[in-house]
Amino acid sequence: MAGEQIDFLGRNISELPYFRGLLRAVEARTYQSIELTSPILDLGCGDGHFASITFSHPLDIGIDPWTGPVRLAAKTGAYRLVIHGNGNQMPFPDASFNCIISNSVLEHIPDIDTVIAEASRVSRPGASFIFCVPNHNFLPNLSVARFFDRIHWKGLAALYRRFFNRISRHYHCDPPEVWKTRLEAQGFHIEKYWHYFSPKALAVLEWGHYFGLPSLILHFLFRRWIVAPYKWNFAPLRRILQPLYDESVEQQDGAYSFYIARKG
């Protein structure tokens, strides 16, 4: 189910902090080449912003455990139905969906095996499970930690990696072998996966957490990440981000992985 050809980079960086906008734009573009078959569940839909930009038609159901984002998602028109609920105990009958997507969500869930088991339960035979997560390249490629590595401050490098993983709320930055074991234990098999988001792109995301502090303050004050969402305001930033957005879809040392798995 491909979305319309729109300016994913421009749209995302005009509505989100630039570092998140770059990552989401790359992921939104990727979905345009993936076929999704209804009924579709968005597992961890958040506020619905990603789906509202990425897909040209509403998805069937979005589910998320956070009350505030669920209320926002219901207003976007990105879903036919939005449900407040947890991924480890979803209020759906067995074999309800032909497709489940989960965009940058699973890495934040401590008890991931229970959630994958639930995803399997509500999936029909042959259903697809499409998700993206940070991988085993994420922590090694953090630029500040790599600098400490080069000057042989290994302890400080390890401390920084733990710090950044914590502020990113990551429980899982795993290689494909680990995801293969998890998925197969619950009746899924991986059809395809690839890494994306190069070390240069990751550096933009990493430093954006610090340079993006003004956006956080604006969001706290005005409930908006961007106060002046005009093209002229983003022109210099876009010139920096465009080459990263235009990178090849597959990056061998990419810090994130896209998975297409199937039930049965």
Foldseek 3Di string as FASTA:
>chain_A
DAADDDQQLLVQVLFAQNLVSLVLSLVLVVCRPDDADPQEEEEACFLVPSLLPRHNAAHAEYEHQDDVSQVNNVPSNNYPYYYHDHLLDDPAAFQQTQEYEYEADLQLDQPNLSSLLSVLRNHHAFHKYKYKYFAPLLLVLAPVLVVCVVVPVNVVSVVVSVVVCVVVNGPDRYDPVVVQVSNVVNQKHWPDKAAAQDSVSSNSSNCSVVVQVVLVVCCVVPVTSHDDSDPVVCVVVCVVSVVRSPDDSHDRSHRMMITMMTGD
